[in-house]
Protein backbone atom coordinates (compact mmCIF):
# COMPACT_ATOMS: atom_id res chain seq x y z
CA MET A 1 52.65 131.06 84.60
CA ASP A 2 49.83 133.83 84.60
CA ASN A 3 47.92 135.07 87.85
CA THR A 4 46.29 137.73 86.00
CA LYS A 5 42.16 137.68 86.68
CA TYR A 6 40.77 138.04 83.48
CA GLU A 7 36.95 138.44 82.85
CA ASN A 8 36.14 137.32 79.55
CA ILE A 9 38.74 134.33 79.37
CA LEU A 10 40.02 131.64 81.41
CA ILE A 11 43.45 130.29 80.92
CA SER A 12 44.78 126.89 82.36
CA LYS A 13 47.90 125.21 81.38
CA GLU A 14 48.51 121.18 81.61
CA LYS A 15 51.28 119.01 80.09
CA GLN A 16 52.55 122.10 78.07
CA ILE A 17 49.57 123.06 76.54
CA THR A 18 48.02 126.36 77.58
CA LYS A 19 44.37 126.67 76.80
CA ILE A 20 42.43 129.75 76.46
CA ILE A 21 38.87 129.68 76.74
CA LEU A 22 36.56 132.31 75.39
CA ASN A 23 34.06 132.85 78.58
CA ARG A 24 31.27 135.04 77.79
CA PRO A 25 28.89 131.60 77.31
CA ASP A 26 25.84 133.98 78.11
CA LYS A 27 26.87 136.16 74.95
CA LEU A 28 27.92 133.37 73.14
CA ASN A 29 31.60 134.31 73.39
CA ALA A 30 30.68 137.65 71.63
CA ILE A 31 33.67 140.04 71.14
CA SER A 32 33.67 143.25 73.10
CA PRO A 33 36.18 145.51 74.06
CA GLY A 34 37.11 143.84 77.35
CA PHE A 35 37.24 140.57 75.65
CA ILE A 36 39.83 141.81 73.36
CA GLU A 37 41.90 143.60 76.11
CA ASP A 38 42.00 140.06 77.73
CA LEU A 39 43.16 138.41 75.02
CA TYR A 40 45.89 141.61 74.25
CA LYS A 41 47.55 141.06 77.91
CA ALA A 42 47.06 137.44 77.80
CA LEU A 43 48.69 136.69 74.33
CA PRO A 44 52.47 137.68 74.80
CA ILE A 45 52.52 136.16 78.56
CA ILE A 46 51.72 132.78 76.92
CA GLU A 47 54.11 133.46 73.66
CA ASN A 48 57.05 134.13 76.37
CA ASP A 49 56.29 131.13 78.71
CA SER A 50 59.06 128.59 77.54
CA ASP A 51 57.21 125.66 79.03
CA THR A 52 54.11 125.90 76.53
CA ARG A 53 54.66 123.97 73.49
CA ALA A 54 51.15 124.40 71.98
CA VAL A 55 48.17 126.95 72.38
CA VAL A 56 44.30 126.04 72.02
CA ILE A 57 41.71 128.65 72.00
CA THR A 58 38.15 127.27 72.34
CA GLY A 59 34.84 128.54 73.78
CA SER A 60 32.60 128.30 76.71
CA GLY A 61 29.22 126.89 76.54
CA ARG A 62 27.59 126.50 73.08
CA ALA A 63 29.69 128.68 70.81
CA PHE A 64 32.99 129.37 69.93
CA SER A 65 32.20 133.01 69.31
CA ALA A 66 29.33 134.94 67.62
CA GLY A 67 31.21 137.91 66.61
CA GLY A 68 30.67 141.44 67.66
CA ASP A 69 28.99 142.05 70.76
CA ILE A 70 25.79 144.04 69.62
CA GLN A 71 25.46 146.20 72.66
CA GLU A 72 29.19 146.53 73.44
CA ASP A 73 30.75 146.46 69.96
CA LEU A 74 28.23 147.02 67.07
CA ILE A 75 26.15 149.98 68.52
CA PRO A 76 28.95 152.14 69.99
CA VAL A 77 31.11 151.60 66.52
CA SER A 78 28.02 152.71 64.21
CA GLY A 79 28.05 156.16 66.05
CA MET A 80 31.97 156.65 65.99
CA THR A 81 33.61 158.75 63.25
CA PRO A 82 36.40 157.37 60.87
CA MET A 83 39.34 158.52 63.34
CA GLU A 84 37.40 157.29 66.47
CA TRP A 85 36.75 153.83 64.90
CA LYS A 86 40.66 153.54 63.47
CA ALA A 87 41.64 154.15 67.05
CA TYR A 88 39.13 151.71 68.50
CA ILE A 89 39.93 148.75 66.10
CA LYS A 90 43.71 149.10 66.64
CA ASN A 91 44.00 146.28 69.69
CA PHE A 92 41.21 144.14 67.68
CA CYS A 93 43.81 143.84 64.91
CA GLU A 94 46.84 143.50 67.33
CA VAL A 95 44.89 140.38 68.59
CA ILE A 96 44.69 138.78 65.40
CA LYS A 97 48.18 139.85 64.75
CA LYS A 98 49.46 138.21 68.09
CA ILE A 99 47.92 134.94 67.16
CA TYR A 100 48.76 134.78 63.52
CA TYR A 101 52.61 135.86 64.11
CA MET A 102 52.88 133.59 67.36
CA ALA A 103 55.74 131.38 67.05
CA LYS A 104 54.28 128.51 69.00
CA PRO A 105 51.62 126.52 67.17
CA VAL A 106 47.89 127.88 67.86
CA ILE A 107 45.04 125.31 67.51
CA ALA A 108 41.46 126.69 67.19
CA ALA A 109 39.09 124.08 68.82
CA ILE A 110 35.49 124.90 67.36
CA ASN A 111 32.70 123.68 69.66
CA GLY A 112 29.71 125.57 68.52
CA VAL A 113 28.85 128.79 66.62
CA THR A 114 31.68 130.58 64.74
CA VAL A 115 30.59 133.86 62.82
CA GLY A 116 31.79 136.98 61.98
CA GLY A 117 34.68 138.61 63.86
CA GLY A 118 34.71 134.91 65.68
CA CYS A 119 35.40 133.20 62.35
CA ASP A 120 38.47 135.74 61.66
CA LEU A 121 39.67 134.59 65.22
CA ALA A 122 39.87 131.09 64.26
CA MET A 123 40.78 131.72 60.87
CA SER A 124 44.08 133.58 62.49
CA CYS A 125 45.09 129.97 63.83
CA ASP A 126 47.43 127.50 62.40
CA ILE A 127 44.64 124.46 62.64
CA ARG A 128 41.15 124.46 63.36
CA ILE A 129 39.40 121.31 64.46
CA ALA A 130 35.76 121.58 64.96
CA SER A 131 32.70 119.71 66.47
CA ASP A 132 30.41 118.34 64.05
CA LYS A 133 27.73 120.56 65.73
CA ALA A 134 29.52 123.61 64.79
CA LYS A 135 28.29 126.43 62.52
CA PHE A 136 30.25 128.86 60.39
CA GLY A 137 29.34 132.32 58.77
CA HIS A 138 31.06 135.32 57.93
CA GLY A 139 28.05 137.48 58.39
CA TYR A 140 29.22 141.06 58.37
CA ILE A 141 27.32 141.54 55.06
CA ARG A 142 24.02 141.30 56.86
CA MET A 143 24.75 144.33 58.59
CA GLY A 144 26.25 146.25 55.82
CA ILE A 145 29.82 146.09 56.99
CA ILE A 146 33.01 144.24 56.15
CA SER A 147 35.41 142.38 58.15
CA ASP A 148 38.05 144.36 60.18
CA MET A 149 39.74 141.50 61.99
CA GLY A 150 41.49 139.63 59.28
CA GLY A 151 38.62 137.88 57.24
CA HIS A 152 39.69 139.19 53.73
CA PHE A 153 43.36 138.12 54.30
CA PHE A 154 42.37 134.94 55.68
CA LEU A 155 39.70 133.49 54.02
CA PRO A 156 40.41 133.50 50.44
CA ARG A 157 44.04 132.02 51.49
CA ILE A 158 42.05 129.00 53.27
CA VAL A 159 38.85 128.20 50.89
CA GLY A 160 40.23 129.89 47.82
CA THR A 161 38.67 133.34 46.12
CA GLY A 162 35.39 132.13 45.05
CA LYS A 163 34.01 130.25 48.11
CA ALA A 164 35.37 133.24 50.19
CA LYS A 165 33.34 135.85 47.98
CA LEU A 166 30.28 133.33 47.97
CA LEU A 167 30.40 133.17 52.11
CA ALA A 168 31.30 136.88 52.40
CA PHE A 169 28.76 138.34 49.76
CA THR A 170 25.75 136.20 51.31
CA GLY A 171 26.68 135.81 54.82
CA ASP A 172 25.20 132.36 54.62
CA LEU A 173 25.61 129.81 57.55
CA ILE A 174 27.35 126.56 56.73
CA ASP A 175 27.48 123.45 58.85
CA ALA A 176 30.92 121.74 59.88
CA THR A 177 30.75 119.19 56.94
CA GLU A 178 30.70 122.00 54.24
CA ALA A 179 33.50 123.70 56.37
CA GLU A 180 35.94 120.72 56.33
CA ARG A 181 34.99 120.04 52.68
CA ILE A 182 35.93 123.95 51.53
CA GLY A 183 39.28 123.70 54.14
CA LEU A 184 37.47 126.25 56.43
CA VAL A 185 38.40 123.37 59.25
CA ASP A 186 40.63 120.61 59.16
CA ARG A 187 39.21 118.04 60.99
CA VAL A 188 35.85 117.54 62.09
CA VAL A 189 35.06 115.08 65.29
CA PRO A 190 31.68 114.16 66.85
CA ALA A 191 30.14 116.51 69.37
CA ASP A 192 30.27 113.73 72.03
CA GLU A 193 34.18 113.24 71.30
CA PHE A 194 35.13 116.50 70.82
CA GLU A 195 37.53 117.21 73.93
CA LYS A 196 39.04 114.00 73.40
CA GLY A 197 39.72 114.58 69.72
CA VAL A 198 41.08 118.20 70.49
CA ASP A 199 43.51 116.36 73.18
CA GLU A 200 44.75 114.03 71.13
CA LEU A 201 45.59 116.46 68.19
CA VAL A 202 47.11 119.10 70.47
CA GLN A 203 49.11 116.42 72.57
CA LYS A 204 50.58 114.55 69.73
CA ILE A 205 51.48 118.61 68.22
CA ALA A 206 53.11 119.42 72.05
CA ASN A 207 54.94 116.43 71.88
CA GLY A 208 56.59 117.18 68.73
CA PRO A 209 60.11 118.64 68.05
CA THR A 210 59.09 122.23 69.10
CA THR A 211 61.83 123.69 67.16
CA SER A 212 61.01 122.09 64.33
CA ILE A 213 57.24 122.92 64.12
CA VAL A 214 58.07 126.63 65.09
CA PHE A 215 60.11 126.45 61.78
CA ILE A 216 57.76 124.83 59.89
CA LYS A 217 54.98 127.48 60.67
CA GLU A 218 57.74 130.41 59.95
CA ALA A 219 58.84 128.99 56.73
CA MET A 220 55.24 128.14 55.47
CA GLN A 221 53.68 131.88 56.30
CA ARG A 222 57.20 133.48 55.10
CA SER A 223 56.88 131.29 51.80
CA SER A 224 53.44 132.75 51.23
CA THR A 225 55.09 135.78 49.61
CA MET A 226 58.33 134.42 48.19
CA SER A 227 59.61 133.24 45.17
CA LEU A 228 60.43 129.46 45.10
CA GLU A 229 64.29 130.18 45.15
CA ALA A 230 64.11 132.63 48.08
CA SER A 231 61.58 130.10 50.04
CA LEU A 232 64.34 127.18 49.48
CA ASP A 233 67.05 129.70 50.70
CA TYR A 234 65.24 130.70 53.39
CA SER A 235 64.24 126.93 54.86
CA LEU A 236 67.99 126.08 54.25
CA ASN A 237 68.94 128.97 56.79
CA LEU A 238 66.25 127.45 58.95
CA GLN A 239 67.52 123.84 58.82
CA SER A 240 70.91 124.95 59.59
CA ALA A 241 69.73 126.38 62.63
CA LEU A 242 68.04 123.23 63.60
CA LEU A 243 71.30 121.26 63.48
CA ALA A 244 72.34 121.75 66.48
CA SER A 245 69.21 121.11 68.47
CA GLU A 246 68.67 118.39 71.05
CA ASP A 247 65.21 117.17 69.35
CA LEU A 248 67.20 116.67 66.29
CA LYS A 249 69.66 114.55 67.75
CA GLU A 250 67.00 112.50 69.42
CA GLY A 251 64.99 112.01 66.03
CA ILE A 252 67.90 110.58 64.61
CA ASN A 253 68.81 108.17 67.57
CA SER A 254 65.18 107.19 67.93
CA PHE A 255 65.17 106.07 64.09
CA LEU A 256 68.34 104.46 64.42
CA GLU A 257 67.35 102.59 67.24
CA LYS A 258 63.67 101.82 65.93
CA ARG A 259 62.12 103.29 69.08
CA LYS A 260 59.39 105.88 69.60
CA PRO A 261 61.36 109.86 69.91
CA ASN A 262 61.07 111.42 73.22
CA PHE A 263 61.21 114.83 71.99
CA MET A 264 61.77 117.79 74.65
CA GLY A 265 61.16 120.68 72.53
CA LYS A 266 64.75 121.82 72.55
C-alpha cells in the first residue's frame, strides 16, 4: 500500500486493517513537526486504499502520545509571531481533520499516557479503546496555553461541557476507569489483554458491511448540526444508495438463511 519510509510512525496492514503506530517511544510519542508531517503524508494514502476497511492508531512503548515535544514544538512556538504560528500550526490542524473526516472507521488504541495534543489526536478518532494503565489529561493549561488541535471542539461533545471545562481548567490527569465513566474512552481492557481486545474490536468492525459503517459515520457527523427533519432526509438518501450494495444483499440473505453474514465491504 505505502512503501514510504517514515521517521516517526510505522504503518502495517493485515486482514484489511491498517495500523498506524506513533513511533517516538523515547519521547513518549510527543508531537513534533516531523511527526505531523509523517501523518499528513500517510493519511491520504490510507484513505485511498480500497483494501483498508478499518484504521487503528496506537503508540509504541508506554505512551499513546504525551502531547507537544518540548524541544521541537513548545519552545520554538513560544518565540513565534502570531502569523508565524498560524502558518506553523496549519498541518497540525489538517491532520486532525484528515482523521475526523476519513470515511473509514478510525479506532484509537490507547496504550498509555495520553495528554494535550495526544488527547486531541485520540478524540479525533471514531472510537477509543484503552488499556487500564492509560492516563489522560488536557494539560495545556499548565503551560498557560489552550488547545490548538481540536480539543475545544471534541472534548465538550464527548464528555459534556462541565467535565470538559473541569479537565481543561485544571489540567488534571485521570485514569482509564474515570475516562470511561465520563465517556472520554468507550472501552477499557486489562493491560495484559490490550492487544487481544483491540484486535477483536477492530476485526469485528473490519468484517462488517463497510459501506454501511461509512454511511453511519457520515450521518452521525452531519446530523450533529442538522434538524431532525434534515437528518431524516439525509439518512434516507444514504439508505437509498445502499440498496444496490452487495453487502445489503448478503445481509438479507444471511438473515433469511439463519447464518453468519460474510460481508465483502462492497
